[in-house]
PDB file of N, CA and C in Angstrom:
ATOM      1  N   MET A   1     144.380  17.209-140.618  1.00  0.00           N
ATOM      2  CA  MET A   1     144.815  18.303-140.249  1.00  0.00           C
ATOM      3  C   MET A   1     145.437  18.602-138.787  1.00  0.00           C
ATOM      4  N   HIS A   2     146.269  19.068-138.598  1.00  0.00           N
ATOM      5  CA  HIS A   2     146.955  18.830-137.583  1.00  0.00           C
ATOM      6  C   HIS A   2     146.916  21.106-136.730  1.00  0.00           C
ATOM      7  N   ILE A   3     146.453  20.933-135.445  1.00  0.00           N
ATOM      8  CA  ILE A   3     145.537  21.748-134.507  1.00  0.00           C
ATOM      9  C   ILE A   3     146.530  22.362-133.274  1.00  0.00           C
ATOM     10  N   PRO A   4     147.247  22.876-133.230  1.00  0.00           N
ATOM     11  CA  PRO A   4     148.040  23.335-132.287  1.00  0.00           C
ATOM     12  C   PRO A   4     147.599  23.599-131.119  1.00  0.00           C
ATOM     13  N   PRO A   5     148.419  23.193-130.179  1.00  0.00           N
ATOM     14  CA  PRO A   5     147.735  22.977-128.515  1.00  0.00           C
ATOM     15  C   PRO A   5     147.252  23.724-127.999  1.00  0.00           C
ATOM     16  N   GLU A   6     147.494  25.173-128.594  1.00  0.00           N
ATOM     17  CA  GLU A   6     147.037  26.626-127.974  1.00  0.00           C
ATOM     18  C   GLU A   6     145.724  26.753-128.443  1.00  0.00           C
ATOM     19  N   LEU A   7     145.533  26.575-129.259  1.00  0.00           N
ATOM     20  CA  LEU A   7     143.861  26.806-129.594  1.00  0.00           C
ATOM     21  C   LEU A   7     142.913  25.729-129.332  1.00  0.00           C
ATOM     22  N   THR A   8     143.448  24.794-129.206  1.00  0.00           N
ATOM     23  CA  THR A   8     142.630  24.010-128.309  1.00  0.00           C
ATOM     24  C   THR A   8     142.164  23.922-126.702  1.00  0.00           C
ATOM     25  N   SER A   9     143.249  24.704-126.190  1.00  0.00           N
ATOM     26  CA  SER A   9     142.916  25.125-124.533  1.00  0.00           C
ATOM     27  C   SER A   9     141.469  26.693-124.412  1.00  0.00           C
ATOM     28  N   ILE A  10     141.387  26.958-125.549  1.00  0.00           N
ATOM     29  CA  ILE A  10     140.938  28.392-125.765  1.00  0.00           C
ATOM     30  C   ILE A  10     139.412  27.765-125.637  1.00  0.00           C
ATOM     31  N   ASN A  11     138.608  28.700-124.266  1.00  0.00           N
ATOM     32  CA  ASN A  11     137.277  28.710-124.087  1.00  0.00           C
ATOM     33  C   ASN A  11     136.455  28.354-125.075  1.00  0.00           C
ATOM     34  N   PRO A  12     135.497  27.371-125.760  1.00  0.00           N
ATOM     35  CA  PRO A  12     134.401  27.531-126.515  1.00  0.00           C
ATOM     36  C   PRO A  12     133.939  28.224-126.875  1.00  0.00           C
ATOM     37  N   MET A  13     133.424  29.370-125.495  1.00  0.00           N
ATOM     38  CA  MET A  13     132.365  30.718-125.414  1.00  0.00           C
ATOM     39  C   MET A  13     133.438  31.730-126.496  1.00  0.00           C
ATOM     40  N   VAL A  14     134.270  31.562-126.610  1.00  0.00           N
ATOM     41  CA  VAL A  14     135.286  32.494-127.379  1.00  0.00           C
ATOM     42  C   VAL A  14     135.139  32.468-128.958  1.00  0.00           C
ATOM     43  N   TYR A  15     134.904  30.982-129.303  1.00  0.00           N
ATOM     44  CA  TYR A  15     134.634  30.553-130.711  1.00  0.00           C
ATOM     45  C   TYR A  15     133.658  30.968-130.766  1.00  0.00           C
ATOM     46  N   LEU A  16     132.752  30.624-129.922  1.00  0.00           N
ATOM     47  CA  LEU A  16     130.701  31.288-130.174  1.00  0.00           C
ATOM     48  C   LEU A  16     130.735  32.357-130.225  1.00  0.00           C
ATOM     49  N   PHE A  17     131.718  33.460-129.380  1.00  0.00           N
ATOM     50  CA  PHE A  17     131.511  34.700-129.620  1.00  0.00           C
ATOM     51  C   PHE A  17     132.287  35.358-130.969  1.00  0.00           C
ATOM     52  N   LEU A  18     133.221  34.627-131.510  1.00  0.00           N
ATOM     53  CA  LEU A  18     133.442  35.284-132.661  1.00  0.00           C
ATOM     54  C   LEU A  18     132.583  35.019-133.621  1.00  0.00           C
ATOM     55  N   TYR A  19     132.224  33.913-133.883  1.00  0.00           N
ATOM     56  CA  TYR A  19     131.349  33.460-134.510  1.00  0.00           C
ATOM     57  C   TYR A  19     130.056  33.979-134.863  1.00  0.00           C
ATOM     58  N   ILE A  20     129.331  34.289-133.905  1.00  0.00           N
ATOM     59  CA  ILE A  20     128.371  35.500-133.966  1.00  0.00           C
ATOM     60  C   ILE A  20     129.048  37.058-134.031  1.00  0.00           C
ATOM     61  N   TRP A  21     129.694  37.478-133.675  1.00  0.00           N
ATOM     62  CA  TRP A  21     130.690  38.415-133.901  1.00  0.00           C
ATOM     63  C   TRP A  21     130.802  38.740-135.374  1.00  0.00           C
ATOM     64  N   SER A  22     131.442  37.857-136.404  1.00  0.00           N
ATOM     65  CA  SER A  22     131.616  37.545-137.712  1.00  0.00           C
ATOM     66  C   SER A  22     130.044  37.475-138.505  1.00  0.00           C
ATOM     67  N   ILE A  23     129.127  36.778-138.054  1.00  0.00           N
ATOM     68  CA  ILE A  23     128.112  36.748-138.623  1.00  0.00           C
ATOM     69  C   ILE A  23     127.180  37.697-138.731  1.00  0.00           C
ATOM     70  N   LEU A  24     127.115  38.539-137.592  1.00  0.00           N
ATOM     71  CA  LEU A  24     126.223  39.773-137.306  1.00  0.00           C
ATOM     72  C   LEU A  24     126.874  41.061-138.351  1.00  0.00           C
ATOM     73  N   TRP A  25     128.061  41.072-138.375  1.00  0.00           N
ATOM     74  CA  TRP A  25     128.751  42.191-139.349  1.00  0.00           C
ATOM     75  C   TRP A  25     128.830  41.872-140.828  1.00  0.00           C
ATOM     76  N   LYS A  26     129.018  40.225-140.964  1.00  0.00           N
ATOM     77  CA  LYS A  26     129.277  39.910-142.318  1.00  0.00           C
ATOM     78  C   LYS A  26     127.363  40.263-142.591  1.00  0.00           C
ATOM     79  N   GLY A  27     126.785  40.010-142.421  1.00  0.00           N
ATOM     80  CA  GLY A  27     125.111  40.397-142.711  1.00  0.00           C
ATOM     81  C   GLY A  27     124.744  41.495-143.087  1.00  0.00           C
ATOM     82  N   LEU A  28     125.404  42.582-141.814  1.00  0.00           N
ATOM     83  CA  LEU A  28     124.671  44.177-142.373  1.00  0.00           C
ATOM     84  C   LEU A  28     125.914  44.373-143.397  1.00  0.00           C
ATOM     85  N   GLY A  29     127.053  44.522-143.355  1.00  0.00           N
ATOM     86  CA  GLY A  29     127.526  44.776-144.555  1.00  0.00           C
ATOM     87  C   GLY A  29     127.621  44.481-145.746  1.00  0.00           C
ATOM     88  N   LEU A  30     127.177  42.859-145.821  1.00  0.00           N
ATOM     89  CA  LEU A  30     126.353  42.352-146.840  1.00  0.00           C
ATOM     90  C   LEU A  30     125.222  42.995-147.326  1.00  0.00           C
ATOM     91  N   TRP A  31     124.431  43.323-146.284  1.00  0.00           N
ATOM     92  CA  TRP A  31     123.589  43.692-147.051  1.00  0.00           C
ATOM     93  C   TRP A  31     123.365  44.987-147.956  1.00  0.00           C
ATOM     94  N   TYR A  32     123.969  46.196-146.313  1.00  0.00           N
ATOM     95  CA  TYR A  32     124.720  47.326-147.749  1.00  0.00           C
ATOM     96  C   TYR A  32     125.355  47.410-148.848  1.00  0.00           C
ATOM     97  N   ALA A  33     126.307  46.451-148.831  1.00  0.00           N
ATOM     98  CA  ALA A  33     126.462  46.417-150.144  1.00  0.00           C
ATOM     99  C   ALA A  33     125.791  45.802-151.280  1.00  0.00           C
ATOM    100  N   SER A  34     124.461  45.276-150.970  1.00  0.00           N
ATOM    101  CA  SER A  34     123.818  45.041-151.432  1.00  0.00           C
ATOM    102  C   SER A  34     122.804  46.071-151.915  1.00  0.00           C
ATOM    103  N   LYS A  35     122.253  46.363-150.760  1.00  0.00           N
ATOM    104  CA  LYS A  35     121.563  47.618-151.032  1.00  0.00           C
ATOM    105  C   LYS A  35     121.684  48.796-151.932  1.00  0.00           C
ATOM    106  N   TYR A  36     123.210  48.976-151.949  1.00  0.00           N
ATOM    107  CA  TYR A  36     123.775  50.216-152.694  1.00  0.00           C
ATOM    108  C   TYR A  36     124.655  49.794-153.749  1.00  0.00           C
ATOM    109  N   ASN A  37     124.154  48.451-154.541  1.00  0.00           N
ATOM    110  CA  ASN A  37     124.763  47.822-155.298  1.00  0.00           C
ATOM    111  C   ASN A  37     126.238  48.115-155.794  1.00  0.00           C
ATOM    112  N   GLN A  38     126.860  47.666-154.747  1.00  0.00           N
ATOM    113  CA  GLN A  38     128.701  47.884-154.758  1.00  0.00           C
ATOM    114  C   GLN A  38     129.334  45.941-154.867  1.00  0.00           C
ATOM    115  N   LYS A  39     128.612  45.679-156.090  1.00  0.00           N
ATOM    116  CA  LYS A  39     129.309  44.134-156.114  1.00  0.00           C
ATOM    117  C   LYS A  39     130.263  43.844-155.735  1.00  0.00           C
ATOM    118  N   ILE A  40     131.245  44.387-156.097  1.00  0.00           N
ATOM    119  CA  ILE A  40     132.572  44.358-156.156  1.00  0.00           C
ATOM    120  C   ILE A  40     132.969  43.826-154.304  1.00  0.00           C
ATOM    121  N   TRP A  41     132.547  44.895-153.246  1.00  0.00           N
ATOM    122  CA  TRP A  41     132.788  44.622-152.081  1.00  0.00           C
ATOM    123  C   TRP A  41     131.786  43.537-151.437  1.00  0.00           C
ATOM    124  N   PHE A  42     130.248  42.785-152.023  1.00  0.00           N
ATOM    125  CA  PHE A  42     129.726  41.905-151.665  1.00  0.00           C
ATOM    126  C   PHE A  42     130.395  41.008-152.003  1.00  0.00           C
ATOM    127  N   ILE A  43     131.131  40.790-153.469  1.00  0.00           N
ATOM    128  CA  ILE A  43     132.041  39.509-153.477  1.00  0.00           C
ATOM    129  C   ILE A  43     132.573  39.227-152.433  1.00  0.00           C
ATOM    130  N   ALA A  44     133.531  40.513-152.494  1.00  0.00           N
ATOM    131  CA  ALA A  44     135.094  40.217-151.439  1.00  0.00           C
ATOM    132  C   ALA A  44     134.605  40.100-149.898  1.00  0.00           C
ATOM    133  N   MET A  45     133.625  40.613-149.879  1.00  0.00           N
ATOM    134  CA  MET A  45     132.958  40.263-148.184  1.00  0.00           C
ATOM    135  C   MET A  45     132.637  38.623-147.715  1.00  0.00           C
ATOM    136  N   ILE A  46     132.096  38.227-149.171  1.00  0.00           N
ATOM    137  CA  ILE A  46     131.849  36.521-149.340  1.00  0.00           C
ATOM    138  C   ILE A  46     132.866  35.717-149.100  1.00  0.00           C
ATOM    139  N   VAL A  47     134.160  36.166-149.871  1.00  0.00           N
ATOM    140  CA  VAL A  47     135.416  35.455-150.285  1.00  0.00           C
ATOM    141  C   VAL A  47     135.967  35.069-149.064  1.00  0.00           C
ATOM    142  N   ILE A  48     136.171  36.607-148.382  1.00  0.00           N
ATOM    143  CA  ILE A  48     137.178  36.855-147.475  1.00  0.00           C
ATOM    144  C   ILE A  48     136.929  36.717-146.165  1.00  0.00           C
ATOM    145  N   ASN A  49     137.332  36.220-145.591  1.00  0.00           N
ATOM    146  CA  ASN A  49     136.778  35.937-143.852  1.00  0.00           C
ATOM    147  C   ASN A  49     137.734  36.400-143.003  1.00  0.00           C
ATOM    148  N   THR A  50     137.262  37.465-142.362  1.00  0.00           N
ATOM    149  CA  THR A  50     138.581  38.555-141.580  1.00  0.00           C
ATOM    150  C   THR A  50     137.538  38.866-140.096  1.00  0.00           C
ATOM    151  N   ALA A  51     136.908  37.710-139.796  1.00  0.00           N
ATOM    152  CA  ALA A  51     136.213  37.599-138.353  1.00  0.00           C
ATOM    153  C   ALA A  51     135.789  39.226-138.081  1.00  0.00           C
ATOM    154  N   GLY A  52     135.077  39.909-139.137  1.00  0.00           N
ATOM    155  CA  GLY A  52     133.990  41.304-139.055  1.00  0.00           C
ATOM    156  C   GLY A  52     135.101  42.135-139.438  1.00  0.00           C
ATOM    157  N   LEU A  53     136.394  42.478-139.515  1.00  0.00           N
ATOM    158  CA  LEU A  53     137.158  43.642-139.783  1.00  0.00           C
ATOM    159  C   LEU A  53     136.920  44.280-141.434  1.00  0.00           C
ATOM    160  N   LEU A  54     137.071  43.685-142.215  1.00  0.00           N
ATOM    161  CA  LEU A  54     137.235  44.123-143.204  1.00  0.00           C
ATOM    162  C   LEU A  54     135.322  44.421-143.781  1.00  0.00           C
ATOM    163  N   GLU A  55     134.337  44.035-143.407  1.00  0.00           N
ATOM    164  CA  GLU A  55     132.886  44.341-142.670  1.00  0.00           C
ATOM    165  C   GLU A  55     133.184  45.535-142.158  1.00  0.00           C
ATOM    166  N   ILE A  56     133.342  45.808-140.812  1.00  0.00           N
ATOM    167  CA  ILE A  56     133.396  47.430-140.507  1.00  0.00           C
ATOM    168  C   ILE A  56     134.062  48.242-141.154  1.00  0.00           C
ATOM    169  N   ALA A  57     135.422  48.362-141.696  1.00  0.00           N
ATOM    170  CA  ALA A  57     135.915  49.060-142.408  1.00  0.00           C
ATOM    171  C   ALA A  57     135.067  49.455-143.654  1.00  0.00           C
ATOM    172  N   TYR A  58     134.070  48.410-144.485  1.00  0.00           N
ATOM    173  CA  TYR A  58     133.262  48.852-145.283  1.00  0.00           C
ATOM    174  C   TYR A  58     132.349  49.461-145.147  1.00  0.00           C
ATOM    175  N   LEU A  59     131.966  49.219-143.751  1.00  0.00           N
ATOM    176  CA  LEU A  59     130.680  49.970-143.368  1.00  0.00           C
ATOM    177  C   LEU A  59     131.110  51.213-142.959  1.00  0.00           C
ATOM    178  N   PHE A  60     132.262  51.425-142.687  1.00  0.00           N
ATOM    179  CA  PHE A  60     132.533  52.857-141.585  1.00  0.00           C
ATOM    180  C   PHE A  60     133.653  53.867-142.391  1.00  0.00           C
ATOM    181  N   TYR A  61     133.546  53.024-143.566  1.00  0.00           N
ATOM    182  CA  TYR A  61     135.135  54.248-144.339  1.00  0.00           C
ATOM    183  C   TYR A  61     134.717  54.103-145.641  1.00  0.00           C
ATOM    184  N   PHE A  62     134.199  53.257-146.509  1.00  0.00           N
ATOM    185  CA  PHE A  62     134.198  52.533-148.027  1.00  0.00           C
ATOM    186  C   PHE A  62     132.691  52.839-148.643  1.00  0.00           C
ATOM    187  N   ALA A  63     132.013  52.173-147.873  1.00  0.00           N
ATOM    188  CA  ALA A  63     130.636  52.102-148.218  1.00  0.00           C
ATOM    189  C   ALA A  63     129.621  53.346-148.914  1.00  0.00           C
ATOM    190  N   LYS A  64     129.514  53.171-150.038  1.00  0.00           N
ATOM    191  CA  LYS A  64     128.380  54.611-150.305  1.00  0.00           C
ATOM    192  C   LYS A  64     128.309  55.289-149.964  1.00  0.00           C
ATOM    193  N   HIS A  65     126.901  55.024-148.784  1.00  0.00           N
ATOM    194  CA  HIS A  65     126.449  55.704-147.389  1.00  0.00           C
ATOM    195  C   HIS A  65     127.006  55.307-146.751  1.00  0.00           C
ATOM    196  N   ARG A  66     127.866  55.876-146.084  1.00  0.00           N
ATOM    197  CA  ARG A  66     128.793  55.262-144.617  1.00  0.00           C
ATOM    198  C   ARG A  66     127.649  55.185-143.239  1.00  0.00           C
ATOM    199  N   LEU A  67     127.818  54.249-142.838  1.00  0.00           N
ATOM    200  CA  LEU A  67     126.897  54.125-141.375  1.00  0.00           C
ATOM    201  C   LEU A  67     127.582  54.598-140.384  1.00  0.00           C
ATOM    202  N   THR A  68     127.199  55.545-139.362  1.00  0.00           N
ATOM    203  CA  THR A  68     127.517  56.184-138.021  1.00  0.00           C
ATOM    204  C   THR A  68     127.361  55.346-137.297  1.00  0.00           C
ATOM    205  N   LEU A  69     127.670  55.646-136.006  1.00  0.00           N
ATOM    206  CA  LEU A  69     127.515  55.304-135.190  1.00  0.00           C
ATOM    207  C   LEU A  69     126.016  55.055-134.038  1.00  0.00           C
ATOM    208  N   THR A  70     125.592  56.346-134.539  1.00  0.00           N
ATOM    209  CA  THR A  70     124.119  56.918-134.207  1.00  0.00           C
ATOM    210  C   THR A  70     123.633  56.012-134.999  1.00  0.00           C
ATOM    211  N   GLN A  71     123.578  55.583-136.085  1.00  0.00           N
ATOM    212  CA  GLN A  71     122.842  54.853-136.973  1.00  0.00           C
ATOM    213  C   GLN A  71     122.687  53.391-136.592  1.00  0.00           C
ATOM    214  N   LEU A  72     123.965  52.927-136.232  1.00  0.00           N
ATOM    215  CA  LEU A  72     123.889  51.344-136.400  1.00  0.00           C
ATOM    216  C   LEU A  72     123.556  51.209-134.967  1.00  0.00           C
ATOM    217  N   SER A  73     123.639  52.402-133.530  1.00  0.00           N
ATOM    218  CA  SER A  73     122.621  51.903-132.066  1.00  0.00           C
ATOM    219  C   SER A  73     121.472  51.951-132.219  1.00  0.00           C
ATOM    220  N   LYS A  74     120.617  53.207-133.508  1.00  0.00           N
ATOM    221  CA  LYS A  74     119.111  52.860-133.357  1.00  0.00           C
ATOM    222  C   LYS A  74     118.891  51.631-134.175  1.00  0.00           C
ATOM    223  N   GLU A  75     119.855  51.388-135.267  1.00  0.00           N
ATOM    224  CA  GLU A  75     119.430  49.733-135.620  1.00  0.00           C
ATOM    225  C   GLU A  75     119.356  48.944-134.818  1.00  0.00           C
ATOM    226  N   ILE A  76     120.480  49.215-133.666  1.00  0.00           N
ATOM    227  CA  ILE A  76     120.278  47.965-132.508  1.00  0.00           C
ATOM    228  C   ILE A  76     118.936  47.911-132.003  1.00  0.00           C
ATOM    229  N   LYS A  77     118.905  49.237-130.985  1.00  0.00           N
ATOM    230  CA  LYS A  77     117.534  49.376-130.478  1.00  0.00           C
ATOM    231  C   LYS A  77     116.370  49.081-131.167  1.00  0.00           C
ATOM    232  N   ILE A  78     116.640  49.243-132.457  1.00  0.00           N
ATOM    233  CA  ILE A  78     114.619  48.775-133.266  1.00  0.00           C
ATOM    234  C   ILE A  78     114.847  46.974-133.271  1.00  0.00           C
ATOM    235  N   PHE A  79     116.293  46.728-133.962  1.00  0.00           N
ATOM    236  CA  PHE A  79     116.403  44.898-133.874  1.00  0.00           C
ATOM    237  C   PHE A  79     115.819  44.617-132.374  1.00  0.00           C
ATOM    238  N   ILE A  80     116.323  44.747-131.516  1.00  0.00           N
ATOM    239  CA  ILE A  80     115.965  44.488-129.970  1.00  0.00           C
ATOM    240  C   ILE A  80     114.310  43.980-129.792  1.00  0.00           C
ATOM    241  N   LYS A  81     113.651  45.603-130.328  1.00  0.00           N
ATOM    242  CA  LYS A  81     112.334  45.974-129.952  1.00  0.00           C
ATOM    243  C   LYS A  81     111.559  44.917-130.873  1.00  0.00           C
ATOM    244  N   GLN A  82     112.198  44.596-132.185  1.00  0.00           N
ATOM    245  CA  GLN A  82     111.622  43.503-133.006  1.00  0.00           C
ATOM    246  C   GLN A  82     111.876  42.267-132.527  1.00  0.00           C
ATOM    247  N   LEU A  83     112.672  41.535-131.742  1.00  0.00           N
ATOM    248  CA  LEU A  83     112.909  40.119-131.052  1.00  0.00           C
ATOM    249  C   LEU A  83     111.948  40.411-129.934  1.00  0.00           C
ATOM    250  N   LYS A  84     111.737  41.429-129.188  1.00  0.00           N
ATOM    251  CA  LYS A  84     110.882  41.096-127.993  1.00  0.00           C
ATOM    252  C   LYS A  84     109.393  41.558-128.362  1.00  0.00           C
ATOM    253  N   ALA A  85     109.297  41.957-129.457  1.00  0.00           N
ATOM    254  CA  ALA A  85     107.744  41.747-130.076  1.00  0.00           C
ATOM    255  C   ALA A  85     107.501  40.566-130.422  1.00  0.00           C
ATOM    256  N   ASN A  86     108.587  39.346-130.848  1.00  0.00           N
ATOM    257  CA  ASN A  86     108.275  38.026-131.214  1.00  0.00           C
ATOM    258  C   ASN A  86     108.051  37.401-130.427  1.00  0.00           C
TER     259      ASN A  86
END
């Protein structure tokens, strides 16, 4: 497999950020799809890798119970509190 030279000069931290970004959105999207029994979306999010774009579109536009920015910020705060408690 040939890797283009412009991709080898990118800072590894960019790759790490994209990986973490994608995993977080994918996890949240899969959790919501399974919670609301949306099997097609669940399968699509597993198969299609879009660096979180498909998951964000699903969560804020297509989900049965759409996520709002207020709900997202509350869930992030709860998650951070749980991390600090451990």
